[in-house]
Amino acid sequence: MAKKTIKVVEMNEGEKIAYSVNGNKITFGDDELTLNLEKNERDDANHIDICRDKYGNIVTGVIPGIAETYAAQIDIPPREYDYIADGVDENGKPREVPIPVPFDISKCTLTLWALV
C-alpha cells in the first residue's frame, strides 16, 4: 500500500517554509512547530494559518501587528462517519450509531506561500 501524504499547493513563486510530514504530523522549520493533524480534525472543516511573526518565529494564527506574514495554511476536511445498526429505538425504527472513519492525511491540503 502506498504511503498517504498531504496534498500540497504552492500559491506563488519563491522560497517556501521548510516542512516535513511524518504520519499524521507536520513539522515546520527546524522542529520549531509540529501539529498532529489527526488531533485537529473536527466535525466541521478546520483551517489553520501558519505565519511568521515580526520576530521570525513560526506561529499559528494571524495576529495583526505581530503575525501577519503567511507561510502556510492547512485545511482539514470535516470528520467522516460510518453508521452501524444498533438495535431499534422506542418507536421500533432501526437505530444507527456513528463510528468515526480513521483519519486520512491525504484528504488534507497544505497551501504554501513564498516567504517574504
N, C-alpha and C. Protein backbone atom coordinates (compact mmCIF):
# COMPACT_ATOMS: atom_id res chain seq x y z
N MET A 1 0.84 -1.17 0.00
CA MET A 1 0.00 0.00 0.00
C MET A 1 0.89 1.24 0.00
N ALA A 2 0.55 2.22 -0.83
CA ALA A 2 1.32 3.46 -0.91
C ALA A 2 1.12 4.30 0.34
N LYS A 3 2.19 4.97 0.76
CA LYS A 3 2.13 5.85 1.93
C LYS A 3 1.27 7.07 1.59
N LYS A 4 0.34 7.40 2.47
CA LYS A 4 -0.52 8.55 2.24
C LYS A 4 0.19 9.80 2.75
N THR A 5 0.03 10.89 1.99
CA THR A 5 0.62 12.14 2.42
C THR A 5 -0.31 13.29 2.07
N ILE A 6 -0.05 14.42 2.62
CA ILE A 6 -0.88 15.61 2.45
C ILE A 6 -0.75 16.16 1.03
N LYS A 7 -1.84 16.74 0.50
CA LYS A 7 -1.80 17.43 -0.80
C LYS A 7 -1.11 18.78 -0.58
N VAL A 8 -0.24 19.17 -1.50
CA VAL A 8 0.49 20.42 -1.38
C VAL A 8 0.17 21.32 -2.57
N VAL A 9 -0.14 22.59 -2.27
CA VAL A 9 -0.41 23.60 -3.28
C VAL A 9 0.54 24.76 -3.04
N GLU A 10 1.28 25.19 -4.07
CA GLU A 10 2.15 26.36 -3.95
C GLU A 10 1.42 27.54 -4.57
N MET A 11 1.15 28.57 -3.75
CA MET A 11 0.34 29.70 -4.18
C MET A 11 1.09 30.72 -5.02
N ASN A 12 2.40 30.82 -4.83
CA ASN A 12 3.15 31.82 -5.59
C ASN A 12 4.60 31.37 -5.72
N GLU A 13 5.37 32.14 -6.48
CA GLU A 13 6.78 31.82 -6.71
C GLU A 13 7.61 32.27 -5.51
N GLY A 14 8.70 31.58 -5.26
CA GLY A 14 9.62 31.99 -4.22
C GLY A 14 9.88 30.88 -3.21
N GLU A 15 10.81 31.17 -2.31
CA GLU A 15 11.20 30.21 -1.28
C GLU A 15 10.04 29.97 -0.32
N LYS A 16 9.81 28.70 0.01
CA LYS A 16 8.73 28.32 0.92
C LYS A 16 9.30 27.87 2.26
N ILE A 17 8.46 27.84 3.26
CA ILE A 17 8.86 27.37 4.58
C ILE A 17 9.23 25.89 4.50
N ALA A 18 10.26 25.50 5.22
CA ALA A 18 10.64 24.09 5.27
C ALA A 18 9.61 23.33 6.10
N TYR A 19 9.26 22.13 5.64
CA TYR A 19 8.31 21.30 6.39
C TYR A 19 8.62 19.84 6.13
N SER A 20 8.15 19.01 7.04
CA SER A 20 8.24 17.56 6.85
C SER A 20 6.97 16.94 7.39
N VAL A 21 6.61 15.80 6.81
CA VAL A 21 5.41 15.08 7.23
C VAL A 21 5.84 13.71 7.71
N ASN A 22 5.36 13.33 8.89
CA ASN A 22 5.64 12.02 9.46
C ASN A 22 4.33 11.47 10.00
N GLY A 23 3.75 10.54 9.28
CA GLY A 23 2.44 10.01 9.68
C GLY A 23 1.40 11.10 9.57
N ASN A 24 0.73 11.42 10.68
CA ASN A 24 -0.31 12.45 10.69
C ASN A 24 0.20 13.78 11.22
N LYS A 25 1.53 13.87 11.41
CA LYS A 25 2.12 15.10 11.95
C LYS A 25 2.87 15.86 10.87
N ILE A 26 2.79 17.18 10.96
CA ILE A 26 3.55 18.04 10.07
C ILE A 26 4.39 18.97 10.93
N THR A 27 5.66 19.09 10.57
CA THR A 27 6.60 19.92 11.32
C THR A 27 7.11 21.02 10.40
N PHE A 28 7.13 22.25 10.93
CA PHE A 28 7.61 23.41 10.17
C PHE A 28 8.92 23.90 10.76
N GLY A 29 9.77 24.43 9.87
CA GLY A 29 11.05 24.95 10.31
C GLY A 29 11.93 23.83 10.82
N ASP A 30 12.88 24.19 11.63
CA ASP A 30 13.82 23.22 12.21
C ASP A 30 13.23 22.72 13.52
N ASP A 31 12.17 21.90 13.42
CA ASP A 31 11.45 21.39 14.59
C ASP A 31 10.85 22.50 15.44
N GLU A 32 10.53 23.63 14.82
CA GLU A 32 10.01 24.77 15.57
C GLU A 32 8.54 24.63 15.91
N LEU A 33 7.75 24.07 15.01
CA LEU A 33 6.31 23.93 15.24
C LEU A 33 5.85 22.60 14.64
N THR A 34 5.23 21.76 15.45
CA THR A 34 4.69 20.48 14.99
C THR A 34 3.22 20.41 15.33
N LEU A 35 2.42 20.00 14.36
CA LEU A 35 0.98 19.83 14.55
C LEU A 35 0.59 18.40 14.21
N ASN A 36 -0.21 17.79 15.08
CA ASN A 36 -0.80 16.49 14.80
C ASN A 36 -2.15 16.77 14.15
N LEU A 37 -2.24 16.59 12.85
CA LEU A 37 -3.46 16.95 12.12
C LEU A 37 -4.64 16.10 12.54
N GLU A 38 -4.39 14.85 12.92
CA GLU A 38 -5.49 13.99 13.38
C GLU A 38 -6.15 14.60 14.61
N LYS A 39 -5.36 15.17 15.52
CA LYS A 39 -5.92 15.79 16.73
C LYS A 39 -6.64 17.09 16.42
N ASN A 40 -6.43 17.65 15.24
CA ASN A 40 -7.10 18.88 14.84
C ASN A 40 -8.32 18.62 13.95
N GLU A 41 -8.64 17.35 13.71
CA GLU A 41 -9.82 17.00 12.94
C GLU A 41 -11.06 17.28 13.79
N ARG A 42 -12.08 17.88 13.19
CA ARG A 42 -13.32 18.24 13.87
C ARG A 42 -14.51 17.76 13.04
N ASP A 43 -15.70 17.95 13.58
CA ASP A 43 -16.90 17.63 12.82
C ASP A 43 -17.15 18.66 11.71
N ASP A 44 -16.55 19.83 11.84
CA ASP A 44 -16.59 20.86 10.80
C ASP A 44 -15.18 20.99 10.22
N ALA A 45 -15.08 21.55 9.03
CA ALA A 45 -13.78 21.78 8.42
C ALA A 45 -12.93 22.65 9.34
N ASN A 46 -11.63 22.41 9.36
CA ASN A 46 -10.72 23.18 10.21
C ASN A 46 -9.63 23.78 9.33
N HIS A 47 -9.43 25.08 9.48
CA HIS A 47 -8.43 25.83 8.71
C HIS A 47 -7.41 26.38 9.70
N ILE A 48 -6.14 26.07 9.49
CA ILE A 48 -5.08 26.51 10.39
C ILE A 48 -4.10 27.38 9.61
N ASP A 49 -3.91 28.61 10.07
CA ASP A 49 -2.94 29.51 9.45
C ASP A 49 -1.59 29.35 10.15
N ILE A 50 -0.54 29.25 9.37
CA ILE A 50 0.83 29.20 9.88
C ILE A 50 1.51 30.47 9.39
N CYS A 51 1.99 31.28 10.34
CA CYS A 51 2.57 32.57 9.99
C CYS A 51 3.95 32.73 10.60
N ARG A 52 4.67 33.72 10.09
CA ARG A 52 5.91 34.18 10.72
C ARG A 52 5.54 35.47 11.45
N ASP A 53 5.97 35.56 12.71
CA ASP A 53 5.69 36.80 13.43
C ASP A 53 6.82 37.80 13.18
N LYS A 54 6.69 38.99 13.73
CA LYS A 54 7.67 40.04 13.45
C LYS A 54 9.05 39.74 14.03
N TYR A 55 9.13 38.70 14.88
CA TYR A 55 10.40 38.28 15.46
C TYR A 55 11.02 37.11 14.70
N GLY A 56 10.32 36.61 13.66
CA GLY A 56 10.82 35.50 12.86
C GLY A 56 10.36 34.14 13.34
N ASN A 57 9.53 34.10 14.39
CA ASN A 57 9.02 32.83 14.91
C ASN A 57 7.90 32.29 14.03
N ILE A 58 7.77 30.98 14.01
CA ILE A 58 6.66 30.33 13.32
C ILE A 58 5.54 30.15 14.33
N VAL A 59 4.36 30.68 14.01
CA VAL A 59 3.23 30.63 14.93
C VAL A 59 1.96 30.22 14.19
N THR A 60 0.96 29.79 14.95
CA THR A 60 -0.35 29.52 14.35
C THR A 60 -1.23 30.74 14.56
N GLY A 61 -2.04 31.05 13.58
CA GLY A 61 -2.97 32.16 13.69
C GLY A 61 -2.39 33.45 13.13
N VAL A 62 -3.32 34.34 12.80
CA VAL A 62 -2.96 35.65 12.29
C VAL A 62 -3.19 36.65 13.42
N ILE A 63 -2.14 37.38 13.76
CA ILE A 63 -2.23 38.36 14.84
C ILE A 63 -1.82 39.70 14.25
N PRO A 64 -2.77 40.60 13.98
CA PRO A 64 -2.42 41.89 13.37
C PRO A 64 -1.33 42.61 14.16
N GLY A 65 -0.32 43.07 13.43
CA GLY A 65 0.78 43.78 14.04
C GLY A 65 1.88 42.88 14.57
N ILE A 66 1.61 41.59 14.71
CA ILE A 66 2.61 40.65 15.24
C ILE A 66 2.88 39.54 14.22
N ALA A 67 1.84 38.79 13.85
CA ALA A 67 2.00 37.65 12.92
C ALA A 67 1.07 37.85 11.74
N GLU A 68 1.57 38.55 10.74
CA GLU A 68 0.74 38.87 9.58
C GLU A 68 1.24 38.24 8.28
N THR A 69 2.43 37.64 8.32
CA THR A 69 3.02 37.09 7.10
C THR A 69 2.70 35.60 7.01
N TYR A 70 1.89 35.25 6.00
CA TYR A 70 1.54 33.85 5.80
C TYR A 70 2.76 33.05 5.37
N ALA A 71 2.91 31.85 5.94
CA ALA A 71 3.91 30.90 5.48
C ALA A 71 3.20 29.70 4.87
N ALA A 72 2.09 29.29 5.53
CA ALA A 72 1.33 28.12 5.06
C ALA A 72 -0.07 28.16 5.65
N GLN A 73 -0.92 27.38 5.05
CA GLN A 73 -2.27 27.16 5.56
C GLN A 73 -2.57 25.68 5.44
N ILE A 74 -3.25 25.15 6.44
CA ILE A 74 -3.63 23.74 6.43
C ILE A 74 -5.14 23.67 6.47
N ASP A 75 -5.71 22.90 5.55
CA ASP A 75 -7.15 22.68 5.54
C ASP A 75 -7.42 21.21 5.81
N ILE A 76 -8.18 20.98 6.88
CA ILE A 76 -8.56 19.63 7.29
C ILE A 76 -10.06 19.49 7.08
N PRO A 77 -10.50 18.56 6.24
CA PRO A 77 -11.93 18.42 5.98
C PRO A 77 -12.67 17.90 7.22
N PRO A 78 -14.00 18.03 7.22
CA PRO A 78 -14.77 17.52 8.37
C PRO A 78 -14.57 16.02 8.56
N ARG A 79 -14.63 15.60 9.80
CA ARG A 79 -14.55 14.18 10.14
C ARG A 79 -15.67 13.44 9.42
N GLU A 80 -15.38 12.26 8.92
CA GLU A 80 -16.38 11.42 8.26
C GLU A 80 -16.78 10.29 9.21
N TYR A 81 -17.99 9.81 9.02
CA TYR A 81 -18.51 8.73 9.87
C TYR A 81 -19.10 7.62 9.03
N ASP A 82 -18.97 6.40 9.55
CA ASP A 82 -19.74 5.25 9.07
C ASP A 82 -20.81 5.03 10.12
N TYR A 83 -21.92 4.45 9.73
CA TYR A 83 -23.01 4.20 10.67
C TYR A 83 -23.27 2.71 10.74
N ILE A 84 -23.39 2.20 11.96
CA ILE A 84 -23.69 0.78 12.14
C ILE A 84 -25.01 0.64 12.87
N ALA A 85 -25.72 -0.44 12.54
CA ALA A 85 -27.00 -0.70 13.18
C ALA A 85 -26.78 -1.00 14.67
N ASP A 86 -27.69 -0.46 15.50
CA ASP A 86 -27.59 -0.65 16.94
C ASP A 86 -29.00 -0.84 17.52
N GLY A 87 -29.64 -1.88 17.06
CA GLY A 87 -30.98 -2.18 17.59
C GLY A 87 -32.05 -1.27 17.01
N VAL A 88 -33.10 -1.06 17.81
CA VAL A 88 -34.22 -0.22 17.39
C VAL A 88 -34.50 0.81 18.48
N ASP A 89 -35.12 1.93 18.06
CA ASP A 89 -35.48 2.95 19.04
C ASP A 89 -36.83 2.63 19.66
N GLU A 90 -37.35 3.55 20.48
CA GLU A 90 -38.62 3.30 21.19
C GLU A 90 -39.82 3.20 20.26
N ASN A 91 -39.67 3.62 19.00
CA ASN A 91 -40.75 3.53 18.01
C ASN A 91 -40.58 2.32 17.10
N GLY A 92 -39.60 1.49 17.40
CA GLY A 92 -39.38 0.29 16.59
C GLY A 92 -38.60 0.55 15.31
N LYS A 93 -38.07 1.75 15.15
CA LYS A 93 -37.29 2.07 13.94
C LYS A 93 -35.83 1.74 14.19
N PRO A 94 -35.11 1.33 13.13
CA PRO A 94 -33.70 1.00 13.29
C PRO A 94 -32.91 2.20 13.83
N ARG A 95 -32.02 1.92 14.76
CA ARG A 95 -31.15 2.95 15.32
C ARG A 95 -29.75 2.70 14.80
N GLU A 96 -29.05 3.80 14.43
CA GLU A 96 -27.68 3.70 13.95
C GLU A 96 -26.76 4.51 14.86
N VAL A 97 -25.55 4.01 15.00
CA VAL A 97 -24.54 4.67 15.82
C VAL A 97 -23.42 5.13 14.89
N PRO A 98 -23.02 6.43 15.01
CA PRO A 98 -21.91 6.90 14.17
C PRO A 98 -20.57 6.41 14.70
N ILE A 99 -19.75 5.92 13.80
CA ILE A 99 -18.39 5.47 14.12
C ILE A 99 -17.44 6.29 13.24
N PRO A 100 -16.50 7.07 13.85
CA PRO A 100 -15.60 7.87 13.03
C PRO A 100 -14.74 7.01 12.10
N VAL A 101 -14.63 7.48 10.87
CA VAL A 101 -13.74 6.85 9.88
C VAL A 101 -12.31 7.23 10.27
N PRO A 102 -11.36 6.31 10.17
CA PRO A 102 -9.96 6.67 10.52
C PRO A 102 -9.48 7.89 9.74
N PHE A 103 -8.70 8.73 10.41
CA PHE A 103 -8.16 9.95 9.81
C PHE A 103 -7.31 9.60 8.59
N ASP A 104 -7.43 10.43 7.54
CA ASP A 104 -6.68 10.22 6.31
C ASP A 104 -6.02 11.54 5.91
N ILE A 105 -4.71 11.66 6.15
CA ILE A 105 -4.00 12.91 5.87
C ILE A 105 -4.04 13.27 4.39
N SER A 106 -4.24 12.30 3.51
CA SER A 106 -4.27 12.60 2.07
C SER A 106 -5.50 13.42 1.68
N LYS A 107 -6.46 13.56 2.57
CA LYS A 107 -7.63 14.40 2.31
C LYS A 107 -7.40 15.84 2.76
N CYS A 108 -6.26 16.10 3.41
CA CYS A 108 -5.90 17.44 3.88
C CYS A 108 -5.09 18.16 2.81
N THR A 109 -5.08 19.49 2.89
CA THR A 109 -4.32 20.30 1.94
C THR A 109 -3.40 21.25 2.69
N LEU A 110 -2.15 21.30 2.26
CA LEU A 110 -1.17 22.24 2.76
C LEU A 110 -0.93 23.25 1.65
N THR A 111 -1.24 24.52 1.92
CA THR A 111 -1.00 25.58 0.96
C THR A 111 0.22 26.37 1.42
N LEU A 112 1.19 26.50 0.53
CA LEU A 112 2.45 27.17 0.86
C LEU A 112 2.52 28.54 0.18
N TRP A 113 2.99 29.51 0.94
CA TRP A 113 3.17 30.89 0.45
C TRP A 113 4.67 31.20 0.46
N ALA A 114 5.10 32.01 -0.48
CA ALA A 114 6.51 32.42 -0.52
C ALA A 114 6.83 33.23 0.73
N LEU A 115 8.00 32.97 1.30
CA LEU A 115 8.44 33.74 2.46
C LEU A 115 8.91 35.10 1.97
N VAL A 116 8.46 36.13 2.63
CA VAL A 116 8.78 37.50 2.20
C VAL A 116 9.85 38.07 3.09
